[in-house]
Amino acid sequence: MRMVLLIAVLLAPLAARAAEPAEAPAVDVALVLVSDVSRSIDDSEFRLQKDGYRAAFADPAVVAAIQGGTQGAIVVSYVEFASPGDVRTVLDWTMIRDAATARAFADRMEAAPRSFWGRTAIGDGIAMATQNLATSGYKSARQVIDVCGDGTSNAGSNVEEARDRAIAAGITVNGLTIINDHPVSWAYAHVQPPGGLTAWYRAHVTGGPGSFVLEIHDFASFGRAMTRKLVDEIAGGPPGGGREVFTSIQ
């Protein structure tokens, strides 16, 4: 009996430690890529987006930015959205710390089929990204939502309210606008709002510490823009030294 009691006493601290929740893994950035797949983006343009994401994550500059952080690692998830309710986390949280893990994430993203068609519910996309960050299971120095699209929000939850909830949670929301210079008549107001789409994103979508918007005028430029954007987001400094800026990439 004494031996049993002695063993129980010796094992008690081990059992207590085993019962403690595991400490959340630490990373430099938790990033949610939020991509517009509404009907204004056709299949060829969607493919160019995917190719651009893949090229960006394969770029040595992006890998160097990841490895240059305090933890030398980031986590990324990928969300697609269209109409209200048509929002999906296509790729859940994935840790990236080197060229191999970056390439594996990019390969999975490129292979994933398109989730939806429909209208453009940017607020729904931001809301899901905010929820993903709240439940990521990682401890990150910074949290970023990266929204890319070619039009204004024309459906779903209020985009400013979704943006403001993200900012209140300490999240930075950045944007990448894809400008349609030759829109069809039915989509003109959607893709060419007064003042331009980039100004609309700045006013309604982006916000938080160091937030910024990049602008491109063709889908072929998507990879170069996303590479630059990822480097800035991972390194923690937007172009322009912390100011919200507009940068057109042709």
C-alpha atoms as a PDB file:
ATOM      1  CA  MET A   1       0.000   0.000   0.000  1.00  0.00           C
ATOM      2  CA  ARG A   2       2.830   2.382   0.880  1.00  0.00           C
ATOM      3  CA  MET A   3       4.445   1.651  -2.466  1.00  0.00           C
ATOM      4  CA  VAL A   4       1.198   2.424  -4.276  1.00  0.00           C
ATOM      5  CA  LEU A   5       0.868   5.710  -2.406  1.00  0.00           C
ATOM      6  CA  LEU A   6       4.482   6.598  -3.152  1.00  0.00           C
ATOM      7  CA  ILE A   7       4.018   5.949  -6.871  1.00  0.00           C
ATOM      8  CA  ALA A   8       0.829   8.024  -6.867  1.00  0.00           C
ATOM      9  CA  VAL A   9       2.647  10.924  -5.200  1.00  0.00           C
ATOM     10  CA  LEU A  10       5.514  10.741  -7.695  1.00  0.00           C
ATOM     11  CA  LEU A  11       3.215  10.546 -10.721  1.00  0.00           C
ATOM     12  CA  ALA A  12       0.843  13.332  -9.625  1.00  0.00           C
ATOM     13  CA  PRO A  13       2.981  16.239 -10.953  1.00  0.00           C
ATOM     14  CA  LEU A  14       3.408  14.446 -14.280  1.00  0.00           C
ATOM     15  CA  ALA A  15      -0.327  13.910 -14.585  1.00  0.00           C
ATOM     16  CA  ALA A  16      -0.996  17.545 -13.748  1.00  0.00           C
ATOM     17  CA  ARG A  17       1.415  18.723 -16.429  1.00  0.00           C
ATOM     18  CA  ALA A  18      -0.123  16.350 -18.972  1.00  0.00           C
ATOM     19  CA  ALA A  19      -3.556  17.772 -18.206  1.00  0.00           C
ATOM     20  CA  GLU A  20      -2.409  21.328 -18.904  1.00  0.00           C
ATOM     21  CA  PRO A  21      -3.342  22.624 -22.372  1.00  0.00           C
ATOM     22  CA  ALA A  22      -0.456  22.710 -24.819  1.00  0.00           C
ATOM     23  CA  GLU A  23       0.990  26.164 -25.403  1.00  0.00           C
ATOM     24  CA  ALA A  24      -0.088  27.659 -28.717  1.00  0.00           C
ATOM     25  CA  PRO A  25       2.672  27.573 -31.349  1.00  0.00           C
ATOM     26  CA  ALA A  26       4.205  31.007 -31.924  1.00  0.00           C
ATOM     27  CA  VAL A  27       4.463  32.551 -35.403  1.00  0.00           C
ATOM     28  CA  ASP A  28       5.258  36.018 -36.679  1.00  0.00           C
ATOM     29  CA  VAL A  29       2.072  36.522 -38.720  1.00  0.00           C
ATOM     30  CA  ALA A  30      -1.322  34.851 -39.026  1.00  0.00           C
ATOM     31  CA  LEU A  31      -2.581  35.750 -42.519  1.00  0.00           C
ATOM     32  CA  VAL A  32      -5.944  35.064 -44.149  1.00  0.00           C
ATOM     33  CA  LEU A  33      -6.055  35.437 -47.930  1.00  0.00           C
ATOM     34  CA  VAL A  34      -9.617  36.420 -48.890  1.00  0.00           C
ATOM     35  CA  SER A  35     -10.334  36.110 -52.605  1.00  0.00           C
ATOM     36  CA  ASP A  36     -13.309  37.347 -54.637  1.00  0.00           C
ATOM     37  CA  VAL A  37     -14.698  34.605 -56.915  1.00  0.00           C
ATOM     38  CA  SER A  38     -17.881  36.427 -57.942  1.00  0.00           C
ATOM     39  CA  ARG A  39     -19.319  36.332 -61.464  1.00  0.00           C
ATOM     40  CA  SER A  40     -17.326  39.373 -62.622  1.00  0.00           C
ATOM     41  CA  ILE A  41     -14.207  37.182 -62.481  1.00  0.00           C
ATOM     42  CA  ASP A  42     -14.289  34.633 -65.288  1.00  0.00           C
ATOM     43  CA  ASP A  43     -12.527  31.268 -65.233  1.00  0.00           C
ATOM     44  CA  SER A  44      -9.435  32.501 -67.080  1.00  0.00           C
ATOM     45  CA  GLU A  45      -9.049  35.378 -64.631  1.00  0.00           C
ATOM     46  CA  PHE A  46      -9.565  32.992 -61.713  1.00  0.00           C
ATOM     47  CA  ARG A  47      -6.784  30.794 -63.106  1.00  0.00           C
ATOM     48  CA  LEU A  48      -4.469  33.808 -63.417  1.00  0.00           C
ATOM     49  CA  GLN A  49      -5.168  34.615 -59.749  1.00  0.00           C
ATOM     50  CA  LYS A  50      -4.264  31.096 -58.731  1.00  0.00           C
ATOM     51  CA  ASP A  51      -1.104  31.170 -60.851  1.00  0.00           C
ATOM     52  CA  GLY A  52      -0.212  34.486 -59.235  1.00  0.00           C
ATOM     53  CA  TYR A  53      -0.625  33.147 -55.722  1.00  0.00           C
ATOM     54  CA  ARG A  54       1.550  30.180 -56.611  1.00  0.00           C
ATOM     55  CA  ALA A  55       4.269  32.375 -58.101  1.00  0.00           C
ATOM     56  CA  ALA A  56       4.227  34.646 -55.047  1.00  0.00           C
ATOM     57  CA  PHE A  57       4.684  31.855 -52.516  1.00  0.00           C
ATOM     58  CA  ALA A  58       7.467  30.380 -54.647  1.00  0.00           C
ATOM     59  CA  ASP A  59       9.322  33.693 -54.790  1.00  0.00           C
ATOM     60  CA  PRO A  60      12.617  33.705 -52.812  1.00  0.00           C
ATOM     61  CA  ALA A  61      11.804  37.199 -51.517  1.00  0.00           C
ATOM     62  CA  VAL A  62       8.675  35.898 -49.781  1.00  0.00           C
ATOM     63  CA  VAL A  63      10.527  32.946 -48.268  1.00  0.00           C
ATOM     64  CA  ALA A  64      13.315  35.277 -47.100  1.00  0.00           C
ATOM     65  CA  ALA A  65      10.752  37.572 -45.447  1.00  0.00           C
ATOM     66  CA  ILE A  66       9.238  34.594 -43.609  1.00  0.00           C
ATOM     67  CA  GLN A  67      12.616  33.317 -42.422  1.00  0.00           C
ATOM     68  CA  GLY A  68      13.693  36.818 -41.394  1.00  0.00           C
ATOM     69  CA  GLY A  69      11.038  37.067 -38.687  1.00  0.00           C
ATOM     70  CA  THR A  70      11.569  36.463 -34.983  1.00  0.00           C
ATOM     71  CA  GLN A  71       9.897  33.043 -35.170  1.00  0.00           C
ATOM     72  CA  GLY A  72      10.865  32.327 -38.778  1.00  0.00           C
ATOM     73  CA  ALA A  73       7.339  31.096 -39.524  1.00  0.00           C
ATOM     74  CA  ILE A  74       3.869  32.301 -40.512  1.00  0.00           C
ATOM     75  CA  VAL A  75       0.485  30.596 -40.775  1.00  0.00           C
ATOM     76  CA  VAL A  76      -1.854  31.146 -43.717  1.00  0.00           C
ATOM     77  CA  SER A  77      -5.429  30.222 -44.556  1.00  0.00           C
ATOM     78  CA  TYR A  78      -7.285  30.847 -47.831  1.00  0.00           C
ATOM     79  CA  VAL A  79     -10.944  31.931 -48.126  1.00  0.00           C
ATOM     80  CA  GLU A  80     -13.108  32.373 -51.236  1.00  0.00           C
ATOM     81  CA  PHE A  81     -16.351  34.362 -51.296  1.00  0.00           C
ATOM     82  CA  ALA A  82     -19.109  35.343 -53.704  1.00  0.00           C
ATOM     83  CA  SER A  83     -22.796  35.820 -52.748  1.00  0.00           C
ATOM     84  CA  PRO A  84     -24.101  35.960 -49.149  1.00  0.00           C
ATOM     85  CA  GLY A  85     -23.521  32.582 -47.557  1.00  0.00           C
ATOM     86  CA  ASP A  86     -21.210  31.573 -50.409  1.00  0.00           C
ATOM     87  CA  VAL A  87     -18.033  31.867 -48.389  1.00  0.00           C
ATOM     88  CA  ARG A  88     -15.673  29.010 -47.710  1.00  0.00           C
ATOM     89  CA  THR A  89     -12.328  28.339 -46.085  1.00  0.00           C
ATOM     90  CA  VAL A  90     -10.703  26.462 -48.955  1.00  0.00           C
ATOM     91  CA  LEU A  91      -7.390  25.889 -47.154  1.00  0.00           C
ATOM     92  CA  ASP A  92      -7.238  25.805 -43.358  1.00  0.00           C
ATOM     93  CA  TRP A  93      -4.306  27.046 -41.315  1.00  0.00           C
ATOM     94  CA  THR A  94      -0.964  25.965 -42.734  1.00  0.00           C
ATOM     95  CA  MET A  95       2.420  26.797 -41.221  1.00  0.00           C
ATOM     96  CA  ILE A  96       5.021  28.054 -43.687  1.00  0.00           C
ATOM     97  CA  ARG A  97       8.660  28.318 -42.660  1.00  0.00           C
ATOM     98  CA  ASP A  98      10.733  27.535 -45.758  1.00  0.00           C
ATOM     99  CA  ALA A  99      10.619  27.094 -49.529  1.00  0.00           C
ATOM    100  CA  ALA A 100       9.278  23.539 -49.303  1.00  0.00           C
ATOM    101  CA  THR A 101       6.313  24.384 -47.057  1.00  0.00           C
ATOM    102  CA  ALA A 102       5.570  27.524 -49.110  1.00  0.00           C
ATOM    103  CA  ARG A 103       5.563  25.493 -52.320  1.00  0.00           C
ATOM    104  CA  ALA A 104       3.356  22.784 -50.794  1.00  0.00           C
ATOM    105  CA  PHE A 105       0.786  25.402 -49.707  1.00  0.00           C
ATOM    106  CA  ALA A 106       0.843  27.034 -53.140  1.00  0.00           C
ATOM    107  CA  ASP A 107       0.389  23.665 -54.869  1.00  0.00           C
ATOM    108  CA  ARG A 108      -2.665  22.887 -52.714  1.00  0.00           C
ATOM    109  CA  MET A 109      -4.148  26.301 -53.449  1.00  0.00           C
ATOM    110  CA  GLU A 110      -3.647  25.953 -57.193  1.00  0.00           C
ATOM    111  CA  ALA A 111      -5.211  22.482 -57.210  1.00  0.00           C
ATOM    112  CA  ALA A 112      -8.341  23.527 -55.287  1.00  0.00           C
ATOM    113  CA  PRO A 113     -11.408  23.950 -57.536  1.00  0.00           C
ATOM    114  CA  ARG A 114     -13.348  27.193 -57.650  1.00  0.00           C
ATOM    115  CA  SER A 115     -15.890  27.367 -54.832  1.00  0.00           C
ATOM    116  CA  PHE A 116     -18.623  29.702 -56.105  1.00  0.00           C
ATOM    117  CA  TRP A 117     -20.047  32.149 -58.626  1.00  0.00           C
ATOM    118  CA  GLY A 118     -22.444  34.954 -57.778  1.00  0.00           C
ATOM    119  CA  ARG A 119     -22.527  38.438 -56.337  1.00  0.00           C
ATOM    120  CA  THR A 120     -19.855  40.115 -54.168  1.00  0.00           C
ATOM    121  CA  ALA A 121     -20.291  39.866 -50.389  1.00  0.00           C
ATOM    122  CA  ILE A 122     -16.989  41.274 -49.139  1.00  0.00           C
ATOM    123  CA  GLY A 123     -18.336  41.655 -45.591  1.00  0.00           C
ATOM    124  CA  ASP A 124     -19.054  37.924 -45.424  1.00  0.00           C
ATOM    125  CA  GLY A 125     -15.485  37.177 -46.526  1.00  0.00           C
ATOM    126  CA  ILE A 126     -14.001  39.479 -43.878  1.00  0.00           C
ATOM    127  CA  ALA A 127     -16.293  38.012 -41.206  1.00  0.00           C
ATOM    128  CA  MET A 128     -15.119  34.468 -41.920  1.00  0.00           C
ATOM    129  CA  ALA A 129     -11.487  35.574 -41.952  1.00  0.00           C
ATOM    130  CA  THR A 130     -11.963  37.267 -38.569  1.00  0.00           C
ATOM    131  CA  GLN A 131     -13.484  34.081 -37.170  1.00  0.00           C
ATOM    132  CA  ASN A 132     -10.606  32.026 -38.579  1.00  0.00           C
ATOM    133  CA  LEU A 133      -8.113  34.270 -36.800  1.00  0.00           C
ATOM    134  CA  ALA A 134     -10.009  34.070 -33.513  1.00  0.00           C
ATOM    135  CA  THR A 135      -9.854  30.262 -33.566  1.00  0.00           C
ATOM    136  CA  SER A 136      -6.509  29.667 -35.280  1.00  0.00           C
ATOM    137  CA  GLY A 137      -4.800  27.997 -32.317  1.00  0.00           C
ATOM    138  CA  TYR A 138      -1.617  29.996 -33.000  1.00  0.00           C
ATOM    139  CA  LYS A 139      -0.018  32.848 -31.073  1.00  0.00           C
ATOM    140  CA  SER A 140       0.955  35.493 -33.608  1.00  0.00           C
ATOM    141  CA  ALA A 141       2.660  38.836 -33.265  1.00  0.00           C
ATOM    142  CA  ARG A 142       0.394  40.222 -35.996  1.00  0.00           C
ATOM    143  CA  GLN A 143      -2.899  39.250 -37.617  1.00  0.00           C
ATOM    144  CA  VAL A 144      -3.673  40.276 -41.204  1.00  0.00           C
ATOM    145  CA  ILE A 145      -6.630  39.860 -43.558  1.00  0.00           C
ATOM    146  CA  ASP A 146      -5.724  40.293 -47.222  1.00  0.00           C
ATOM    147  CA  VAL A 147      -8.770  41.007 -49.441  1.00  0.00           C
ATOM    148  CA  CYS A 148      -8.461  40.967 -53.228  1.00  0.00           C
ATOM    149  CA  GLY A 149     -11.252  41.652 -55.681  1.00  0.00           C
ATOM    150  CA  ASP A 150     -12.424  43.527 -58.771  1.00  0.00           C
ATOM    151  CA  GLY A 151     -15.572  45.214 -57.502  1.00  0.00           C
ATOM    152  CA  THR A 152     -17.466  46.831 -54.665  1.00  0.00           C
ATOM    153  CA  SER A 153     -19.492  44.879 -52.126  1.00  0.00           C
ATOM    154  CA  ASN A 154     -23.015  44.561 -53.526  1.00  0.00           C
ATOM    155  CA  ALA A 155     -24.546  41.888 -51.298  1.00  0.00           C
ATOM    156  CA  GLY A 156     -24.375  40.320 -47.857  1.00  0.00           C
ATOM    157  CA  SER A 157     -23.405  41.783 -44.515  1.00  0.00           C
ATOM    158  CA  ASN A 158     -22.277  45.382 -44.132  1.00  0.00           C
ATOM    159  CA  VAL A 159     -18.639  45.533 -45.202  1.00  0.00           C
ATOM    160  CA  GLU A 160     -17.718  48.499 -42.979  1.00  0.00           C
ATOM    161  CA  GLU A 161     -19.130  46.796 -39.893  1.00  0.00           C
ATOM    162  CA  ALA A 162     -17.217  43.596 -40.696  1.00  0.00           C
ATOM    163  CA  ARG A 163     -14.044  45.633 -41.269  1.00  0.00           C
ATOM    164  CA  ASP A 164     -14.515  47.555 -38.009  1.00  0.00           C
ATOM    165  CA  ARG A 165     -15.006  44.348 -36.012  1.00  0.00           C
ATOM    166  CA  ALA A 166     -11.757  43.018 -37.440  1.00  0.00           C
ATOM    167  CA  ILE A 167      -9.903  46.212 -36.548  1.00  0.00           C
ATOM    168  CA  ALA A 168     -11.353  46.150 -33.014  1.00  0.00           C
ATOM    169  CA  ALA A 169      -9.878  42.653 -32.642  1.00  0.00           C
ATOM    170  CA  GLY A 170      -6.415  44.012 -33.490  1.00  0.00           C
ATOM    171  CA  ILE A 171      -6.426  42.812 -37.102  1.00  0.00           C
ATOM    172  CA  THR A 172      -5.031  44.764 -40.059  1.00  0.00           C
ATOM    173  CA  VAL A 173      -7.119  44.539 -43.243  1.00  0.00           C
ATOM    174  CA  ASN A 174      -5.240  45.159 -46.506  1.00  0.00           C
ATOM    175  CA  GLY A 175      -6.511  45.209 -50.070  1.00  0.00           C
ATOM    176  CA  LEU A 176      -5.505  44.346 -53.621  1.00  0.00           C
ATOM    177  CA  THR A 177      -7.791  45.860 -56.241  1.00  0.00           C
ATOM    178  CA  ILE A 178      -8.013  44.468 -59.767  1.00  0.00           C
ATOM    179  CA  ILE A 179      -9.139  47.283 -62.045  1.00  0.00           C
ATOM    180  CA  ASN A 180     -11.398  46.498 -64.993  1.00  0.00           C
ATOM    181  CA  ASP A 181     -10.563  49.255 -67.470  1.00  0.00           C
ATOM    182  CA  HIS A 182     -13.192  48.093 -69.988  1.00  0.00           C
ATOM    183  CA  PRO A 183     -16.255  47.026 -67.986  1.00  0.00           C
ATOM    184  CA  VAL A 184     -19.507  45.911 -69.577  1.00  0.00           C
ATOM    185  CA  SER A 185     -22.462  48.221 -68.983  1.00  0.00           C
ATOM    186  CA  TRP A 186     -24.246  46.082 -66.401  1.00  0.00           C
ATOM    187  CA  ALA A 187     -21.132  45.912 -64.209  1.00  0.00           C
ATOM    188  CA  TYR A 188     -19.848  49.474 -64.651  1.00  0.00           C
ATOM    189  CA  ALA A 189     -20.950  50.897 -61.289  1.00  0.00           C
ATOM    190  CA  HIS A 190     -19.769  47.738 -59.531  1.00  0.00           C
ATOM    191  CA  VAL A 191     -16.209  47.723 -60.859  1.00  0.00           C
ATOM    192  CA  GLN A 192     -15.812  51.479 -61.477  1.00  0.00           C
ATOM    193  CA  PRO A 193     -17.426  53.260 -58.499  1.00  0.00           C
ATOM    194  CA  PRO A 194     -17.104  57.060 -58.187  1.00  0.00           C
ATOM    195  CA  GLY A 195     -13.508  57.889 -57.338  1.00  0.00           C
ATOM    196  CA  GLY A 196     -12.290  54.456 -58.429  1.00  0.00           C
ATOM    197  CA  LEU A 197     -12.244  51.011 -56.867  1.00  0.00           C
ATOM    198  CA  THR A 198      -8.991  51.536 -54.977  1.00  0.00           C
ATOM    199  CA  ALA A 199     -10.385  54.630 -53.235  1.00  0.00           C
ATOM    200  CA  TRP A 200     -13.535  52.641 -52.439  1.00  0.00           C
ATOM    201  CA  TYR A 201     -11.454  49.871 -50.860  1.00  0.00           C
ATOM    202  CA  ARG A 202      -9.545  52.395 -48.796  1.00  0.00           C
ATOM    203  CA  ALA A 203     -12.783  53.926 -47.524  1.00  0.00           C
ATOM    204  CA  HIS A 204     -14.794  50.752 -46.942  1.00  0.00           C
ATOM    205  CA  VAL A 205     -12.560  47.657 -46.775  1.00  0.00           C
ATOM    206  CA  THR A 206      -9.073  48.334 -45.433  1.00  0.00           C
ATOM    207  CA  GLY A 207      -8.012  49.561 -42.019  1.00  0.00           C
ATOM    208  CA  GLY A 208      -5.951  48.888 -38.931  1.00  0.00           C
ATOM    209  CA  PRO A 209      -2.273  49.523 -38.166  1.00  0.00           C
ATOM    210  CA  GLY A 210      -0.248  50.081 -41.342  1.00  0.00           C
ATOM    211  CA  SER A 211      -3.045  49.040 -43.703  1.00  0.00           C
ATOM    212  CA  PHE A 212      -2.568  49.603 -47.420  1.00  0.00           C
ATOM    213  CA  VAL A 213      -4.004  48.943 -50.877  1.00  0.00           C
ATOM    214  CA  LEU A 214      -2.213  47.787 -54.030  1.00  0.00           C
ATOM    215  CA  GLU A 215      -3.806  48.273 -57.437  1.00  0.00           C
ATOM    216  CA  ILE A 216      -3.323  46.290 -60.636  1.00  0.00           C
ATOM    217  CA  HIS A 217      -4.838  46.749 -64.094  1.00  0.00           C
ATOM    218  CA  ASP A 218      -4.611  43.223 -65.444  1.00  0.00           C
ATOM    219  CA  PHE A 219      -4.658  39.746 -63.968  1.00  0.00           C
ATOM    220  CA  ALA A 220      -1.247  38.975 -65.450  1.00  0.00           C
ATOM    221  CA  SER A 221       0.201  41.420 -62.883  1.00  0.00           C
ATOM    222  CA  PHE A 222      -1.399  39.557 -59.971  1.00  0.00           C
ATOM    223  CA  GLY A 223       1.670  37.466 -59.118  1.00  0.00           C
ATOM    224  CA  ARG A 224       4.042  40.444 -58.954  1.00  0.00           C
ATOM    225  CA  ALA A 225       1.568  42.442 -56.882  1.00  0.00           C
ATOM    226  CA  MET A 226       0.929  39.565 -54.485  1.00  0.00           C
ATOM    227  CA  THR A 227       4.666  38.945 -54.074  1.00  0.00           C
ATOM    228  CA  ARG A 228       5.213  42.561 -53.096  1.00  0.00           C
ATOM    229  CA  LYS A 229       2.160  42.508 -50.846  1.00  0.00           C
ATOM    230  CA  LEU A 230       3.201  39.342 -49.015  1.00  0.00           C
ATOM    231  CA  VAL A 231       6.711  40.663 -48.405  1.00  0.00           C
ATOM    232  CA  ASP A 232       5.287  43.885 -46.943  1.00  0.00           C
ATOM    233  CA  GLU A 233       2.736  42.047 -44.807  1.00  0.00           C
ATOM    234  CA  ILE A 234       5.176  39.458 -43.501  1.00  0.00           C
ATOM    235  CA  ALA A 235       7.897  42.016 -42.787  1.00  0.00           C
ATOM    236  CA  GLY A 236       5.389  44.222 -40.978  1.00  0.00           C
ATOM    237  CA  GLY A 237       5.871  47.382 -43.016  1.00  0.00           C
ATOM    238  CA  PRO A 238       3.626  48.578 -45.840  1.00  0.00           C
ATOM    239  CA  PRO A 239       5.023  50.600 -48.724  1.00  0.00           C
ATOM    240  CA  GLY A 240       5.232  54.262 -47.806  1.00  0.00           C
ATOM    241  CA  GLY A 241       6.515  53.768 -44.268  1.00  0.00           C
ATOM    242  CA  GLY A 242       3.265  52.998 -42.486  1.00  0.00           C
ATOM    243  CA  ARG A 243       0.874  55.217 -44.449  1.00  0.00           C
ATOM    244  CA  GLU A 244      -2.084  53.985 -46.414  1.00  0.00           C
ATOM    245  CA  VAL A 245      -0.975  54.228 -50.028  1.00  0.00           C
ATOM    246  CA  PHE A 246      -2.122  53.505 -53.545  1.00  0.00           C
ATOM    247  CA  THR A 247       0.344  51.704 -55.778  1.00  0.00           C
ATOM    248  CA  SER A 248      -0.525  50.890 -59.366  1.00  0.00           C
ATOM    249  CA  ILE A 249       1.253  47.871 -60.829  1.00  0.00           C
ATOM    250  CA  GLN A 250       0.925  47.560 -64.592  1.00  0.00           C
END
